[in-house]
Amino acid sequence: MTARRCIPWPDRRLQTAAAPVEAITDDIRGVWTDMIDTMEAMPGYGLGAPQIGVMLRLAVVDCSDARGQAVRMANPQILHASAQLCDHEEASPNLPGVSAVIARPRAVTVRFLNENGEVEDRDFVHLWATSVQHQIDHLNGRMYFDHLSKLKRDRLLKRAQKLRGA
């Protein structure tokens, strides 16, 4: 397939919840393939469909060392999150040049439709858990910086705007 362009913040689609996926079709599989190509081109650890302007609850995550281990998820939902938090530096191709350390649950159990259209429950830990939560945020119309205090969020957005030359 092909890498797609990530839409720039503050596009309204990045602030809008995505629609549920009704069934896994060849079209959905094609979007996942494009998302993986886009994620690899960044490079990054995951991508939510709204980031490329597709308003469906689709996400891909690959935190493997060798790559090529992408997990394809439709309608992911967190069933359980650990009480223990883990800090990771997070960023987004939708707002390039800036990042922030975000504390998220160290482990999550996620239920989703897999590429075969089957309901799957899977445990994710460390960077995998962070990336899955980051992508689910995108599907809910949230960005990583929405987890920051208003002051830190405003500083980050101002820095990004300055980098864009606006």
Protein backbone atom coordinates (compact mmCIF):
# COMPACT_ATOMS: atom_id res chain seq x y z
CA MET A 1 0.00 0.00 0.00
CA THR A 2 1.36 3.44 0.86
CA ALA A 3 2.31 5.84 3.60
CA ARG A 4 -0.28 8.55 4.12
CA ARG A 5 0.06 12.15 5.23
CA CYS A 6 -0.62 12.82 8.91
CA ILE A 7 -3.07 15.68 9.32
CA PRO A 8 -1.72 18.67 11.25
CA TRP A 9 -2.91 19.76 14.68
CA PRO A 10 -5.33 21.52 15.33
CA ASP A 11 -7.42 19.79 12.63
CA ARG A 12 -10.88 19.14 14.09
CA ARG A 13 -10.68 15.42 13.27
CA LEU A 14 -7.92 15.06 15.87
CA GLN A 15 -10.37 16.37 18.47
CA THR A 16 -13.30 14.16 17.44
CA ALA A 17 -14.10 10.61 18.57
CA ALA A 18 -13.85 8.07 15.76
CA ALA A 19 -16.72 5.81 14.67
CA PRO A 20 -16.80 2.10 15.56
CA VAL A 21 -15.80 -0.45 12.94
CA GLU A 22 -18.73 -2.71 12.06
CA ALA A 23 -16.78 -5.53 10.37
CA ILE A 24 -13.26 -6.37 9.25
CA THR A 25 -13.25 -6.05 5.47
CA ASP A 26 -10.58 -5.85 2.79
CA ASP A 27 -10.97 -2.05 2.88
CA ILE A 28 -10.26 -2.05 6.63
CA ARG A 29 -7.23 -4.30 6.09
CA GLY A 30 -6.03 -1.85 3.43
CA VAL A 31 -6.30 1.06 5.86
CA TRP A 32 -4.32 -0.94 8.44
CA THR A 33 -1.61 -1.62 5.83
CA ASP A 34 -1.41 2.09 4.99
CA MET A 35 -1.26 2.89 8.70
CA ILE A 36 1.65 0.48 9.21
CA ASP A 37 3.46 1.96 6.20
CA THR A 38 2.86 5.46 7.63
CA MET A 39 4.04 4.40 11.10
CA GLU A 40 7.23 2.87 9.68
CA ALA A 41 7.93 5.96 7.56
CA MET A 42 7.76 8.29 10.61
CA PRO A 43 9.24 6.10 12.32
CA GLY A 44 6.93 5.55 15.27
CA TYR A 45 5.49 2.96 17.64
CA GLY A 46 1.84 3.28 16.70
CA LEU A 47 -0.82 5.13 14.79
CA GLY A 48 -4.54 5.79 15.15
CA ALA A 49 -6.64 6.11 12.00
CA PRO A 50 -7.80 9.68 12.82
CA GLN A 51 -4.16 10.77 12.55
CA ILE A 52 -4.38 10.17 8.80
CA GLY A 53 -7.92 11.54 8.55
CA VAL A 54 -9.75 8.19 8.66
CA MET A 55 -12.45 8.56 11.29
CA LEU A 56 -12.70 4.90 12.30
CA ARG A 57 -11.65 3.19 15.54
CA LEU A 58 -8.56 1.56 14.02
CA ALA A 59 -5.08 1.46 15.54
CA VAL A 60 -1.75 -0.23 14.89
CA VAL A 61 1.08 -0.68 17.39
CA ASP A 62 4.58 -2.08 16.90
CA CYS A 63 7.11 -1.64 19.71
CA SER A 64 9.18 -4.69 18.76
CA ASP A 65 12.94 -4.34 18.32
CA ALA A 66 12.96 -6.04 14.93
CA ARG A 67 9.72 -4.39 13.74
CA GLY A 68 7.27 -6.24 11.55
CA GLN A 69 5.24 -7.31 14.64
CA ALA A 70 2.42 -4.77 14.28
CA VAL A 71 -0.76 -5.50 16.19
CA ARG A 72 -3.85 -4.43 14.22
CA MET A 73 -6.79 -3.37 16.38
CA ALA A 74 -10.36 -2.31 15.62
CA ASN A 75 -12.52 -0.85 18.38
CA PRO A 76 -9.87 -1.29 21.12
CA GLN A 77 -11.03 -0.79 24.68
CA ILE A 78 -9.10 -1.02 27.91
CA LEU A 79 -10.53 -3.70 30.20
CA HIS A 80 -7.96 -3.32 32.96
CA ALA A 81 -5.12 -0.91 33.73
CA SER A 82 -2.44 -1.42 36.36
CA ALA A 83 -2.23 0.96 39.28
CA GLN A 84 1.52 1.26 38.74
CA LEU A 85 2.43 4.08 36.36
CA CYS A 86 5.30 4.29 33.90
CA ASP A 87 6.77 7.45 32.33
CA HIS A 88 7.52 7.61 28.60
CA GLU A 89 8.41 10.45 26.28
CA GLU A 90 5.47 10.84 23.88
CA ALA A 91 5.13 12.76 20.64
CA SER A 92 2.91 12.86 17.58
CA PRO A 93 3.52 13.34 13.85
CA ASN A 94 0.43 15.56 13.93
CA LEU A 95 2.38 18.09 16.02
CA PRO A 96 6.03 17.61 15.02
CA GLY A 97 9.05 18.88 16.92
CA VAL A 98 7.66 18.69 20.45
CA SER A 99 7.19 15.96 23.04
CA ALA A 100 6.39 15.47 26.71
CA VAL A 101 6.87 12.86 29.40
CA ILE A 102 3.48 11.30 30.19
CA ALA A 103 2.72 8.92 33.09
CA ARG A 104 0.36 6.11 32.09
CA PRO A 105 -0.50 2.71 33.56
CA ARG A 106 2.46 0.32 33.15
CA ALA A 107 0.23 -2.52 31.93
CA VAL A 108 -3.19 -2.74 30.28
CA THR A 109 -5.51 -5.49 29.10
CA VAL A 110 -7.19 -4.51 25.85
CA ARG A 111 -10.13 -6.06 23.99
CA PHE A 112 -10.30 -5.47 20.24
CA LEU A 113 -11.31 -6.98 16.91
CA ASN A 114 -8.22 -8.45 15.28
CA GLU A 115 -7.41 -8.73 11.57
CA ASN A 116 -9.49 -11.93 11.34
CA GLY A 117 -12.56 -10.20 12.77
CA GLU A 118 -12.27 -12.11 16.06
CA VAL A 119 -12.57 -10.54 19.51
CA GLU A 120 -9.18 -10.74 21.19
CA ASP A 121 -8.07 -9.82 24.71
CA ARG A 122 -4.37 -9.05 25.01
CA ASP A 123 -2.06 -7.81 27.74
CA PHE A 124 0.42 -5.05 26.92
CA VAL A 125 3.23 -3.83 29.18
CA HIS A 126 5.76 -0.97 29.27
CA LEU A 127 6.21 0.80 25.90
CA TRP A 128 3.57 -1.42 24.26
CA ALA A 129 1.05 -0.38 26.94
CA THR A 130 1.96 3.30 26.56
CA SER A 131 1.57 3.14 22.78
CA VAL A 132 -1.77 1.32 22.93
CA GLN A 133 -3.13 3.91 25.39
CA HIS A 134 -1.76 6.74 23.22
CA GLN A 135 -3.58 5.32 20.16
CA ILE A 136 -6.84 4.80 22.06
CA ASP A 137 -6.61 8.47 23.07
CA HIS A 138 -6.45 9.37 19.36
CA LEU A 139 -9.57 7.28 18.72
CA ASN A 140 -11.32 9.25 21.48
CA GLY A 141 -10.30 12.64 20.07
CA ARG A 142 -7.50 13.24 22.57
CA MET A 143 -3.83 14.03 22.12
CA TYR A 144 -1.02 13.07 24.50
CA PHE A 145 -0.63 16.67 25.65
CA ASP A 146 -4.22 16.61 26.93
CA HIS A 147 -2.73 14.70 29.90
CA LEU A 148 -0.57 17.70 30.84
CA SER A 149 -1.46 20.55 33.16
CA LYS A 150 -2.89 23.60 31.38
CA LEU A 151 0.38 25.48 31.85
CA LYS A 152 2.55 22.68 30.41
CA ARG A 153 0.08 22.07 27.59
CA ASP A 154 0.01 25.76 26.63
CA ARG A 155 3.83 25.93 26.67
CA LEU A 156 4.12 22.83 24.48
CA LEU A 157 1.56 24.15 21.95
CA LYS A 158 3.27 27.56 21.87
CA ARG A 159 6.64 25.88 21.25
CA ALA A 160 5.12 23.81 18.41
CA GLN A 161 3.56 26.92 16.86
CA LYS A 162 6.92 28.69 17.00
CA LEU A 163 8.59 25.71 15.26
CA ARG A 164 5.97 25.88 12.48
CA GLY A 165 6.84 29.53 12.02
CA ALA A 166 3.28 30.64 12.69
